[in-house]
Amino acid sequence: MQKEMKTILTIFGLIIVAVFGYILLGKDDTTEEIKQTWDVSPDTISKIKLNEGQQNMKINYTESPDNLIHVTIEGKVAKSVKEKLTDKKFTGEKNDQLEITFAKVNGIGFVSQPDDASELTMEIALPQGKQLKKLEMKMTVGDISIMVPQDFQGKYKLRARDGEKIKAVPETDKSQESTILVNTSGTITIEKK
């Protein structure tokens, strides 16, 4: 019985050491510059989905200079994030949406969050008269700030987790079939230009 107890305590101790080692050594600093652009047709893409972001992000809607949707992400990211953003396995056109994956939570369920996470900017340039059906952001952590066009009259579905706040959301009459969905452990701010 005593030998079994020592074995159980030893295994438990090793698990604790492994978890703390992963948390302390698993950090991935945001040192890699990135400016990644996706040019997609509004005839095939009506949604943009962001997955597993771990940085603050400012999103700005602008008008496209042509008939394509241009999505640009710029800033400093971790090396592993840069690899995901440029790998078509994780990021690209899937069905009717542009899916952008920043990171994957590992099998244990921990997230490697950089200490020096800088803010990313994202520009969504839409052709004149076009709108997205959905901008969906399922972020791990990070404050999200979105600047929508003055004429945006869509819906919002917002969730700020872990005691964070929704700072500002402009009123809309919900007459457009466009939804902005944000789920993050951080503050959420949406404003009109």
N, C-alpha and C. Protein backbone atom coordinates (compact mmCIF):
# COMPACT_ATOMS: atom_id res chain seq x y z
N MET A 1 0.84 -1.20 0.00
CA MET A 1 0.00 0.00 0.00
C MET A 1 0.87 1.25 0.00
N GLN A 2 1.93 1.24 0.84
CA GLN A 2 2.81 2.39 0.93
C GLN A 2 3.60 2.58 -0.36
N LYS A 3 3.99 1.50 -0.99
CA LYS A 3 4.73 1.57 -2.25
C LYS A 3 3.84 2.13 -3.36
N GLU A 4 2.58 1.71 -3.39
CA GLU A 4 1.63 2.23 -4.37
C GLU A 4 1.41 3.73 -4.18
N MET A 5 1.34 4.16 -2.93
CA MET A 5 1.14 5.59 -2.63
C MET A 5 2.35 6.40 -3.11
N LYS A 6 3.57 5.89 -2.91
CA LYS A 6 4.77 6.59 -3.38
C LYS A 6 4.77 6.69 -4.90
N THR A 7 4.35 5.64 -5.57
CA THR A 7 4.29 5.64 -7.03
C THR A 7 3.28 6.67 -7.52
N ILE A 8 2.12 6.72 -6.90
CA ILE A 8 1.08 7.68 -7.28
C ILE A 8 1.58 9.10 -7.05
N LEU A 9 2.21 9.37 -5.90
CA LEU A 9 2.74 10.71 -5.61
C LEU A 9 3.86 11.10 -6.58
N THR A 10 4.69 10.14 -6.95
CA THR A 10 5.76 10.41 -7.91
C THR A 10 5.18 10.79 -9.27
N ILE A 11 4.21 10.03 -9.72
CA ILE A 11 3.56 10.33 -11.01
C ILE A 11 2.88 11.69 -10.95
N PHE A 12 2.18 11.97 -9.88
CA PHE A 12 1.51 13.27 -9.72
C PHE A 12 2.54 14.40 -9.73
N GLY A 13 3.66 14.21 -9.06
CA GLY A 13 4.73 15.22 -9.03
C GLY A 13 5.29 15.47 -10.42
N LEU A 14 5.50 14.41 -11.19
CA LEU A 14 6.00 14.55 -12.55
C LEU A 14 5.02 15.30 -13.44
N ILE A 15 3.74 15.04 -13.26
CA ILE A 15 2.72 15.76 -14.03
C ILE A 15 2.76 17.24 -13.70
N ILE A 16 2.87 17.59 -12.41
CA ILE A 16 2.94 19.00 -11.99
C ILE A 16 4.17 19.67 -12.59
N VAL A 17 5.32 19.02 -12.54
CA VAL A 17 6.55 19.58 -13.11
C VAL A 17 6.38 19.78 -14.62
N ALA A 18 5.79 18.83 -15.31
CA ALA A 18 5.59 18.93 -16.76
C ALA A 18 4.67 20.10 -17.11
N VAL A 19 3.59 20.26 -16.36
CA VAL A 19 2.65 21.36 -16.62
C VAL A 19 3.34 22.71 -16.41
N PHE A 20 4.02 22.90 -15.28
CA PHE A 20 4.71 24.16 -15.03
C PHE A 20 5.83 24.39 -16.04
N GLY A 21 6.53 23.35 -16.43
CA GLY A 21 7.57 23.49 -17.45
C GLY A 21 7.00 23.96 -18.77
N TYR A 22 5.86 23.38 -19.15
CA TYR A 22 5.22 23.79 -20.40
C TYR A 22 4.78 25.25 -20.33
N ILE A 23 4.18 25.64 -19.22
CA ILE A 23 3.70 27.02 -19.07
C ILE A 23 4.87 28.00 -19.10
N LEU A 24 5.94 27.68 -18.41
CA LEU A 24 7.08 28.60 -18.33
C LEU A 24 7.94 28.60 -19.59
N LEU A 25 8.14 27.45 -20.20
CA LEU A 25 9.03 27.35 -21.35
C LEU A 25 8.29 27.36 -22.68
N GLY A 26 6.98 27.24 -22.64
CA GLY A 26 6.20 27.16 -23.88
C GLY A 26 5.86 28.51 -24.47
N LYS A 27 6.39 29.60 -23.94
CA LYS A 27 6.10 30.93 -24.45
C LYS A 27 6.72 31.10 -25.83
N ASP A 28 6.06 31.86 -26.66
CA ASP A 28 6.53 32.10 -28.02
C ASP A 28 6.42 33.61 -28.24
N ASP A 29 7.55 34.33 -28.15
CA ASP A 29 7.54 35.79 -28.22
C ASP A 29 7.10 36.29 -29.59
N THR A 30 6.46 37.46 -29.59
CA THR A 30 5.97 38.06 -30.83
C THR A 30 7.08 38.92 -31.45
N THR A 31 7.95 38.28 -32.21
CA THR A 31 9.09 38.96 -32.81
C THR A 31 9.05 38.94 -34.33
N GLU A 32 8.13 38.19 -34.91
CA GLU A 32 8.08 38.03 -36.36
C GLU A 32 7.13 39.05 -36.99
N GLU A 33 7.66 39.89 -37.88
CA GLU A 33 6.82 40.84 -38.61
C GLU A 33 5.99 40.08 -39.64
N ILE A 34 4.74 40.49 -39.76
CA ILE A 34 3.89 39.87 -40.78
C ILE A 34 3.01 40.92 -41.42
N LYS A 35 2.82 40.77 -42.70
CA LYS A 35 1.81 41.51 -43.45
C LYS A 35 1.27 40.51 -44.45
N GLN A 36 0.18 39.89 -44.07
CA GLN A 36 -0.41 38.81 -44.86
C GLN A 36 -1.73 39.31 -45.44
N THR A 37 -1.90 39.16 -46.75
CA THR A 37 -3.12 39.60 -47.43
C THR A 37 -3.76 38.43 -48.16
N TRP A 38 -5.08 38.36 -48.05
CA TRP A 38 -5.87 37.40 -48.79
C TRP A 38 -6.80 38.19 -49.70
N ASP A 39 -6.81 37.88 -50.98
CA ASP A 39 -7.69 38.52 -51.96
C ASP A 39 -8.70 37.47 -52.40
N VAL A 40 -9.97 37.72 -52.09
CA VAL A 40 -11.01 36.72 -52.37
C VAL A 40 -12.19 37.37 -53.07
N SER A 41 -12.92 36.57 -53.79
CA SER A 41 -14.09 37.06 -54.52
C SER A 41 -15.31 37.11 -53.60
N PRO A 42 -16.07 38.22 -53.66
CA PRO A 42 -17.31 38.27 -52.87
C PRO A 42 -18.37 37.31 -53.40
N ASP A 43 -18.15 36.75 -54.59
CA ASP A 43 -19.08 35.75 -55.12
C ASP A 43 -18.91 34.40 -54.45
N THR A 44 -17.72 34.14 -53.89
CA THR A 44 -17.47 32.84 -53.24
C THR A 44 -17.32 32.96 -51.72
N ILE A 45 -16.96 34.13 -51.23
CA ILE A 45 -16.73 34.32 -49.79
C ILE A 45 -17.72 35.35 -49.24
N SER A 46 -18.48 34.95 -48.23
CA SER A 46 -19.42 35.87 -47.59
C SER A 46 -19.16 36.00 -46.09
N LYS A 47 -18.20 35.20 -45.57
CA LYS A 47 -17.91 35.20 -44.14
C LYS A 47 -16.41 35.19 -43.93
N ILE A 48 -15.99 35.80 -42.81
CA ILE A 48 -14.60 35.72 -42.37
C ILE A 48 -14.62 35.20 -40.95
N LYS A 49 -13.80 34.17 -40.69
CA LYS A 49 -13.75 33.57 -39.36
C LYS A 49 -12.31 33.58 -38.87
N LEU A 50 -12.10 34.14 -37.67
CA LEU A 50 -10.79 34.15 -37.03
C LEU A 50 -10.82 33.19 -35.86
N ASN A 51 -9.80 32.32 -35.78
CA ASN A 51 -9.74 31.31 -34.72
C ASN A 51 -8.49 31.46 -33.87
N GLU A 52 -8.66 31.31 -32.57
CA GLU A 52 -7.57 31.13 -31.61
C GLU A 52 -6.54 32.27 -31.58
N GLY A 53 -6.99 33.51 -31.81
CA GLY A 53 -6.09 34.65 -31.67
C GLY A 53 -5.71 34.87 -30.23
N GLN A 54 -4.48 35.33 -30.00
CA GLN A 54 -3.98 35.51 -28.64
C GLN A 54 -3.36 36.89 -28.46
N GLN A 55 -3.80 37.86 -29.28
CA GLN A 55 -3.26 39.21 -29.21
C GLN A 55 -4.40 40.21 -29.33
N ASN A 56 -4.14 41.43 -28.86
CA ASN A 56 -5.10 42.50 -29.09
C ASN A 56 -5.17 42.75 -30.59
N MET A 57 -6.36 43.14 -31.04
CA MET A 57 -6.54 43.32 -32.48
C MET A 57 -7.46 44.50 -32.77
N LYS A 58 -7.05 45.32 -33.75
CA LYS A 58 -7.88 46.41 -34.26
C LYS A 58 -8.30 46.06 -35.67
N ILE A 59 -9.62 46.08 -35.91
CA ILE A 59 -10.15 45.75 -37.23
C ILE A 59 -10.81 46.99 -37.80
N ASN A 60 -10.52 47.26 -39.07
CA ASN A 60 -11.07 48.42 -39.73
C ASN A 60 -11.67 48.00 -41.07
N TYR A 61 -12.93 48.35 -41.28
CA TYR A 61 -13.57 48.12 -42.57
C TYR A 61 -13.25 49.30 -43.48
N THR A 62 -12.85 49.01 -44.73
CA THR A 62 -12.60 50.06 -45.72
C THR A 62 -13.24 49.64 -47.04
N GLU A 63 -13.14 50.53 -48.02
CA GLU A 63 -13.68 50.22 -49.35
C GLU A 63 -12.57 49.67 -50.22
N SER A 64 -12.88 48.60 -50.93
CA SER A 64 -11.92 47.95 -51.81
C SER A 64 -11.71 48.80 -53.07
N PRO A 65 -10.48 48.81 -53.61
CA PRO A 65 -10.22 49.57 -54.84
C PRO A 65 -10.72 48.84 -56.10
N ASP A 66 -11.18 47.59 -55.93
CA ASP A 66 -11.66 46.81 -57.07
C ASP A 66 -12.85 45.97 -56.64
N ASN A 67 -13.11 44.89 -57.36
CA ASN A 67 -14.27 44.05 -57.06
C ASN A 67 -13.95 42.84 -56.18
N LEU A 68 -12.81 42.86 -55.51
CA LEU A 68 -12.43 41.77 -54.61
C LEU A 68 -12.51 42.22 -53.16
N ILE A 69 -12.61 41.23 -52.26
CA ILE A 69 -12.47 41.49 -50.83
C ILE A 69 -10.99 41.30 -50.51
N HIS A 70 -10.38 42.28 -49.88
CA HIS A 70 -8.97 42.20 -49.49
C HIS A 70 -8.92 42.21 -47.96
N VAL A 71 -8.32 41.18 -47.39
CA VAL A 71 -8.18 41.08 -45.93
C VAL A 71 -6.68 41.08 -45.64
N THR A 72 -6.24 42.06 -44.84
CA THR A 72 -4.82 42.18 -44.52
C THR A 72 -4.63 42.19 -43.01
N ILE A 73 -3.72 41.35 -42.54
CA ILE A 73 -3.33 41.34 -41.13
C ILE A 73 -1.88 41.77 -41.06
N GLU A 74 -1.60 42.73 -40.16
CA GLU A 74 -0.26 43.29 -40.07
C GLU A 74 0.13 43.47 -38.61
N GLY A 75 1.42 43.25 -38.33
CA GLY A 75 1.95 43.45 -36.99
C GLY A 75 3.01 42.42 -36.68
N LYS A 76 3.30 42.27 -35.40
CA LYS A 76 4.27 41.28 -34.95
C LYS A 76 3.52 40.12 -34.31
N VAL A 77 3.96 38.93 -34.69
CA VAL A 77 3.35 37.70 -34.17
C VAL A 77 4.46 36.73 -33.76
N ALA A 78 4.07 35.71 -33.06
CA ALA A 78 5.01 34.63 -32.73
C ALA A 78 5.33 33.84 -33.99
N LYS A 79 6.48 33.21 -34.01
CA LYS A 79 6.91 32.42 -35.17
C LYS A 79 5.87 31.34 -35.50
N SER A 80 5.34 30.69 -34.47
CA SER A 80 4.35 29.63 -34.71
C SER A 80 3.07 30.19 -35.33
N VAL A 81 2.70 31.41 -34.96
CA VAL A 81 1.51 32.05 -35.53
C VAL A 81 1.76 32.40 -36.99
N LYS A 82 2.94 32.93 -37.28
CA LYS A 82 3.28 33.28 -38.67
C LYS A 82 3.20 32.03 -39.56
N GLU A 83 3.68 30.91 -39.05
CA GLU A 83 3.62 29.66 -39.80
C GLU A 83 2.17 29.26 -40.09
N LYS A 84 1.30 29.42 -39.09
CA LYS A 84 -0.12 29.06 -39.26
C LYS A 84 -0.79 29.99 -40.28
N LEU A 85 -0.48 31.30 -40.19
CA LEU A 85 -1.13 32.27 -41.08
C LEU A 85 -0.73 32.09 -42.54
N THR A 86 0.42 31.49 -42.79
CA THR A 86 0.87 31.30 -44.16
C THR A 86 0.70 29.86 -44.65
N ASP A 87 0.13 28.99 -43.82
CA ASP A 87 -0.07 27.58 -44.16
C ASP A 87 -1.52 27.36 -44.59
N LYS A 88 -1.72 26.92 -45.83
CA LYS A 88 -3.07 26.73 -46.36
C LYS A 88 -3.85 25.65 -45.63
N LYS A 89 -3.16 24.81 -44.87
CA LYS A 89 -3.84 23.80 -44.07
C LYS A 89 -4.67 24.46 -42.96
N PHE A 90 -4.19 25.59 -42.44
CA PHE A 90 -4.84 26.26 -41.32
C PHE A 90 -5.61 27.51 -41.74
N THR A 91 -5.22 28.11 -42.85
CA THR A 91 -5.78 29.39 -43.24
C THR A 91 -6.09 29.38 -44.73
N GLY A 92 -7.29 29.85 -45.07
CA GLY A 92 -7.66 29.95 -46.47
C GLY A 92 -9.15 29.84 -46.67
N GLU A 93 -9.55 29.71 -47.93
CA GLU A 93 -10.96 29.62 -48.27
C GLU A 93 -11.49 28.23 -47.96
N LYS A 94 -12.56 28.19 -47.17
CA LYS A 94 -13.22 26.93 -46.83
C LYS A 94 -14.72 27.15 -46.98
N ASN A 95 -15.32 26.44 -47.91
CA ASN A 95 -16.73 26.61 -48.24
C ASN A 95 -16.97 28.07 -48.62
N ASP A 96 -17.84 28.77 -47.91
CA ASP A 96 -18.15 30.16 -48.27
C ASP A 96 -17.47 31.17 -47.34
N GLN A 97 -16.38 30.74 -46.67
CA GLN A 97 -15.72 31.66 -45.74
C GLN A 97 -14.21 31.63 -45.89
N LEU A 98 -13.61 32.75 -45.50
CA LEU A 98 -12.16 32.84 -45.36
C LEU A 98 -11.88 32.55 -43.90
N GLU A 99 -11.21 31.44 -43.63
CA GLU A 99 -10.92 31.04 -42.26
C GLU A 99 -9.44 31.32 -41.96
N ILE A 100 -9.20 32.07 -40.88
CA ILE A 100 -7.84 32.45 -40.50
C ILE A 100 -7.58 31.92 -39.10
N THR A 101 -6.62 31.00 -39.00
CA THR A 101 -6.31 30.38 -37.71
C THR A 101 -4.95 30.86 -37.24
N PHE A 102 -4.92 31.42 -36.03
CA PHE A 102 -3.68 31.96 -35.46
C PHE A 102 -2.87 30.91 -34.72
N ALA A 103 -3.54 30.04 -33.98
CA ALA A 103 -2.85 29.03 -33.17
C ALA A 103 -3.83 27.91 -32.89
N LYS A 104 -3.30 26.83 -32.43
CA LYS A 104 -4.13 25.71 -32.00
C LYS A 104 -3.82 25.41 -30.55
N VAL A 105 -4.87 25.20 -29.78
CA VAL A 105 -4.69 24.77 -28.41
C VAL A 105 -4.20 23.34 -28.47
N ASN A 106 -3.14 23.04 -27.67
CA ASN A 106 -2.61 21.68 -27.74
C ASN A 106 -3.56 20.69 -27.07
N GLY A 107 -3.26 19.42 -27.18
CA GLY A 107 -4.14 18.37 -26.69
C GLY A 107 -4.39 18.42 -25.19
N ILE A 108 -3.46 19.02 -24.42
CA ILE A 108 -3.64 19.06 -22.97
C ILE A 108 -4.64 20.14 -22.59
N GLY A 109 -4.79 21.17 -23.43
CA GLY A 109 -5.76 22.21 -23.15
C GLY A 109 -5.13 23.50 -22.67
N PHE A 110 -3.81 23.64 -22.77
CA PHE A 110 -3.16 24.88 -22.37
C PHE A 110 -2.87 25.71 -23.61
N VAL A 111 -2.78 27.02 -23.42
CA VAL A 111 -2.48 27.92 -24.51
C VAL A 111 -1.18 28.64 -24.20
N SER A 112 -0.27 28.66 -25.15
CA SER A 112 0.97 29.40 -25.00
C SER A 112 0.71 30.86 -25.37
N GLN A 113 0.66 31.72 -24.38
CA GLN A 113 0.36 33.13 -24.62
C GLN A 113 1.62 33.97 -24.47
N PRO A 114 1.99 34.73 -25.51
CA PRO A 114 3.20 35.53 -25.42
C PRO A 114 3.08 36.62 -24.37
N ASP A 115 4.20 36.90 -23.67
CA ASP A 115 4.21 37.97 -22.68
C ASP A 115 4.19 39.34 -23.33
N ASP A 116 4.84 39.47 -24.47
CA ASP A 116 5.01 40.77 -25.11
C ASP A 116 4.09 40.93 -26.31
N ALA A 117 2.90 40.35 -26.26
CA ALA A 117 2.00 40.35 -27.41
C ALA A 117 1.68 41.77 -27.87
N SER A 118 2.10 42.10 -29.08
CA SER A 118 1.82 43.40 -29.64
C SER A 118 0.46 43.36 -30.33
N GLU A 119 -0.07 44.53 -30.61
CA GLU A 119 -1.38 44.63 -31.23
C GLU A 119 -1.29 44.37 -32.74
N LEU A 120 -2.24 43.61 -33.24
CA LEU A 120 -2.33 43.35 -34.67
C LEU A 120 -3.38 44.28 -35.27
N THR A 121 -3.20 44.65 -36.53
CA THR A 121 -4.24 45.39 -37.23
C THR A 121 -4.75 44.51 -38.37
N MET A 122 -6.03 44.63 -38.61
CA MET A 122 -6.65 43.87 -39.68
C MET A 122 -7.53 44.82 -40.48
N GLU A 123 -7.32 44.84 -41.78
CA GLU A 123 -8.16 45.66 -42.66
C GLU A 123 -9.01 44.74 -43.51
N ILE A 124 -10.31 45.03 -43.53
CA ILE A 124 -11.23 44.29 -44.38
C ILE A 124 -11.75 45.27 -45.42
N ALA A 125 -11.26 45.15 -46.65
CA ALA A 125 -11.67 46.06 -47.73
C ALA A 125 -12.74 45.36 -48.57
N LEU A 126 -13.94 45.93 -48.53
CA LEU A 126 -15.07 45.35 -49.24
C LEU A 126 -15.39 46.17 -50.49
N PRO A 127 -15.78 45.50 -51.60
CA PRO A 127 -16.21 46.25 -52.78
C PRO A 127 -17.43 47.12 -52.44
N GLN A 128 -17.55 48.23 -53.15
CA GLN A 128 -18.66 49.15 -52.91
C GLN A 128 -19.99 48.42 -53.02
N GLY A 129 -20.85 48.63 -52.02
CA GLY A 129 -22.17 48.02 -51.99
C GLY A 129 -22.21 46.59 -51.49
N LYS A 130 -21.06 46.01 -51.17
CA LYS A 130 -21.02 44.63 -50.66
C LYS A 130 -20.87 44.65 -49.15
N GLN A 131 -21.34 43.58 -48.52
CA GLN A 131 -21.17 43.41 -47.08
C GLN A 131 -20.93 41.94 -46.78
N LEU A 132 -20.29 41.69 -45.65
CA LEU A 132 -20.10 40.31 -45.19
C LEU A 132 -21.37 39.84 -44.51
N LYS A 133 -21.69 38.55 -44.68
CA LYS A 133 -22.79 37.99 -43.90
C LYS A 133 -22.37 37.86 -42.44
N LYS A 134 -21.06 37.51 -42.24
CA LYS A 134 -20.61 37.32 -40.86
C LYS A 134 -19.12 37.56 -40.74
N LEU A 135 -18.75 38.28 -39.69
CA LEU A 135 -17.37 38.34 -39.22
C LEU A 135 -17.40 37.65 -37.86
N GLU A 136 -16.73 36.51 -37.77
CA GLU A 136 -16.75 35.71 -36.54
C GLU A 136 -15.34 35.64 -35.97
N MET A 137 -15.21 36.00 -34.71
CA MET A 137 -13.92 35.99 -34.04
C MET A 137 -14.02 35.15 -32.78
N LYS A 138 -13.43 33.96 -32.81
CA LYS A 138 -13.38 33.09 -31.63
C LYS A 138 -11.95 33.14 -31.13
N MET A 139 -11.68 34.14 -30.29
CA MET A 139 -10.32 34.40 -29.83
C MET A 139 -10.08 33.77 -28.47
N THR A 140 -8.84 33.37 -28.24
CA THR A 140 -8.47 32.82 -26.93
C THR A 140 -8.40 33.96 -25.92
N VAL A 141 -7.57 34.95 -26.21
CA VAL A 141 -7.45 36.15 -25.37
C VAL A 141 -7.19 37.33 -26.29
N GLY A 142 -7.42 38.53 -25.77
CA GLY A 142 -7.09 39.74 -26.51
C GLY A 142 -8.24 40.72 -26.55
N ASP A 143 -7.90 42.00 -26.45
CA ASP A 143 -8.89 43.06 -26.60
C ASP A 143 -9.17 43.23 -28.09
N ILE A 144 -10.44 43.40 -28.43
CA ILE A 144 -10.86 43.53 -29.82
C ILE A 144 -11.52 44.89 -30.01
N SER A 145 -11.04 45.63 -31.01
CA SER A 145 -11.60 46.92 -31.37
C SER A 145 -11.96 46.87 -32.85
N ILE A 146 -13.22 47.16 -33.16
CA ILE A 146 -13.69 47.08 -34.55
C ILE A 146 -14.28 48.43 -34.94
N MET A 147 -13.84 48.94 -36.10
CA MET A 147 -14.38 50.18 -36.66
C MET A 147 -15.21 49.79 -37.88
N VAL A 148 -16.54 49.91 -37.74
CA VAL A 148 -17.44 49.53 -38.82
C VAL A 148 -17.82 50.78 -39.61
N PRO A 149 -18.29 50.60 -40.86
CA PRO A 149 -18.73 51.76 -41.64
C PRO A 149 -19.91 52.46 -40.98
N GLN A 150 -20.05 53.72 -41.25
CA GLN A 150 -21.13 54.53 -40.68
C GLN A 150 -22.50 53.94 -41.01
N ASP A 151 -22.63 53.34 -42.20
CA ASP A 151 -23.94 52.81 -42.62
C ASP A 151 -24.17 51.36 -42.19
N PHE A 152 -23.31 50.80 -41.33
CA PHE A 152 -23.50 49.42 -40.87
C PHE A 152 -24.78 49.33 -40.03
N GLN A 153 -25.68 48.43 -40.44
CA GLN A 153 -26.95 48.25 -39.73
C GLN A 153 -27.20 46.77 -39.44
N GLY A 154 -26.12 46.04 -39.18
CA GLY A 154 -26.23 44.61 -38.90
C GLY A 154 -26.45 44.30 -37.44
N LYS A 155 -26.15 43.07 -37.06
CA LYS A 155 -26.36 42.59 -35.69
C LYS A 155 -25.02 42.32 -35.03
N TYR A 156 -25.03 42.31 -33.70
CA TYR A 156 -23.85 41.98 -32.92
C TYR A 156 -24.18 40.82 -31.99
N LYS A 157 -23.25 39.88 -31.87
CA LYS A 157 -23.31 38.83 -30.85
C LYS A 157 -21.95 38.85 -30.18
N LEU A 158 -21.90 39.41 -28.98
CA LEU A 158 -20.63 39.67 -28.32
C LEU A 158 -20.56 38.98 -26.97
N ARG A 159 -19.39 38.41 -26.69
CA ARG A 159 -19.17 37.78 -25.37
C ARG A 159 -17.74 38.09 -24.92
N ALA A 160 -17.65 38.87 -23.85
CA ALA A 160 -16.35 39.16 -23.22
C ALA A 160 -16.26 38.26 -21.99
N ARG A 161 -15.36 37.27 -22.04
CA ARG A 161 -15.26 36.28 -20.97
C ARG A 161 -14.34 36.75 -19.84
N ASP A 162 -14.37 35.99 -18.77
CA ASP A 162 -13.45 36.14 -17.63
C ASP A 162 -13.51 37.53 -17.00
N GLY A 163 -14.71 38.07 -16.86
CA GLY A 163 -14.89 39.34 -16.17
C GLY A 163 -14.55 40.56 -17.00
N GLU A 164 -14.21 40.38 -18.27
CA GLU A 164 -13.90 41.53 -19.13
C GLU A 164 -15.20 42.22 -19.54
N LYS A 165 -15.07 43.38 -20.20
CA LYS A 165 -16.25 44.21 -20.48
C LYS A 165 -16.42 44.47 -21.98
N ILE A 166 -17.66 44.72 -22.34
CA ILE A 166 -17.98 45.24 -23.66
C ILE A 166 -18.06 46.75 -23.47
N LYS A 167 -17.09 47.49 -24.03
CA LYS A 167 -16.97 48.92 -23.77
C LYS A 167 -17.94 49.77 -24.57
N ALA A 168 -18.08 49.50 -25.86
CA ALA A 168 -18.94 50.32 -26.71
C ALA A 168 -19.48 49.49 -27.86
N VAL A 169 -20.77 49.70 -28.15
CA VAL A 169 -21.42 49.06 -29.28
C VAL A 169 -22.43 50.06 -29.84
N PRO A 170 -22.26 50.48 -31.10
CA PRO A 170 -23.21 51.44 -31.67
C PRO A 170 -24.57 50.80 -31.95
N GLU A 171 -25.60 51.61 -31.86
CA GLU A 171 -26.95 51.13 -32.16
C GLU A 171 -27.08 50.86 -33.65
N THR A 172 -27.87 49.85 -34.00
CA THR A 172 -28.21 49.59 -35.39
C THR A 172 -29.69 49.25 -35.45
N ASP A 173 -30.27 49.38 -36.63
CA ASP A 173 -31.68 48.98 -36.77
C ASP A 173 -31.80 47.51 -37.22
N LYS A 174 -30.66 46.82 -37.34
CA LYS A 174 -30.60 45.39 -37.67
C LYS A 174 -31.27 45.06 -39.01
N SER A 175 -31.26 46.02 -39.93
CA SER A 175 -31.91 45.82 -41.22
C SER A 175 -31.02 45.09 -42.23
N GLN A 176 -29.72 45.02 -41.98
CA GLN A 176 -28.81 44.31 -42.88
C GLN A 176 -28.62 42.88 -42.40
N GLU A 177 -28.38 41.98 -43.34
CA GLU A 177 -28.10 40.59 -42.99
C GLU A 177 -26.61 40.41 -42.79
N SER A 178 -26.07 41.12 -41.83
CA SER A 178 -24.65 41.06 -41.51
C SER A 178 -24.51 40.96 -40.00
N THR A 179 -23.66 40.02 -39.55
CA THR A 179 -23.49 39.80 -38.12
C THR A 179 -22.02 39.87 -37.76
N ILE A 180 -21.73 40.57 -36.67
CA ILE A 180 -20.39 40.56 -36.10
C ILE A 180 -20.47 39.77 -34.81
N LEU A 181 -19.73 38.65 -34.76
CA LEU A 181 -19.73 37.76 -33.61
C LEU A 181 -18.32 37.77 -33.01
N VAL A 182 -18.21 38.16 -31.74
CA VAL A 182 -16.90 38.19 -31.07
C VAL A 182 -17.01 37.45 -29.75
N ASN A 183 -16.08 36.51 -29.52
CA ASN A 183 -15.99 35.77 -28.27
C ASN A 183 -14.51 35.81 -27.87
N THR A 184 -14.20 36.53 -26.79
CA THR A 184 -12.80 36.68 -26.38
C THR A 184 -12.70 36.85 -24.87
N SER A 185 -11.54 36.55 -24.35
CA SER A 185 -11.23 36.88 -22.97
C SER A 185 -10.47 38.21 -23.03
N GLY A 186 -11.23 39.28 -23.18
CA GLY A 186 -10.68 40.63 -23.31
C GLY A 186 -11.83 41.60 -23.52
N THR A 187 -11.51 42.88 -23.58
CA THR A 187 -12.55 43.88 -23.79
C THR A 187 -12.92 43.93 -25.27
N ILE A 188 -14.17 44.37 -25.52
CA ILE A 188 -14.67 44.48 -26.88
C ILE A 188 -15.17 45.92 -27.08
N THR A 189 -14.71 46.56 -28.14
CA THR A 189 -15.14 47.91 -28.47
C THR A 189 -15.50 47.94 -29.95
N ILE A 190 -16.72 48.38 -30.26
CA ILE A 190 -17.13 48.54 -31.65
C ILE A 190 -17.61 49.98 -31.82
N GLU A 191 -17.09 50.63 -32.85
CA GLU A 191 -17.47 52.02 -33.13
C GLU A 191 -17.73 52.18 -34.62
N LYS A 192 -18.49 53.24 -34.94
CA LYS A 192 -18.72 53.58 -36.34
C LYS A 192 -17.78 54.71 -36.73
N LYS A 193 -17.36 54.70 -38.01
CA LYS A 193 -16.46 55.74 -38.53
C LYS A 193 -17.19 57.08 -38.56
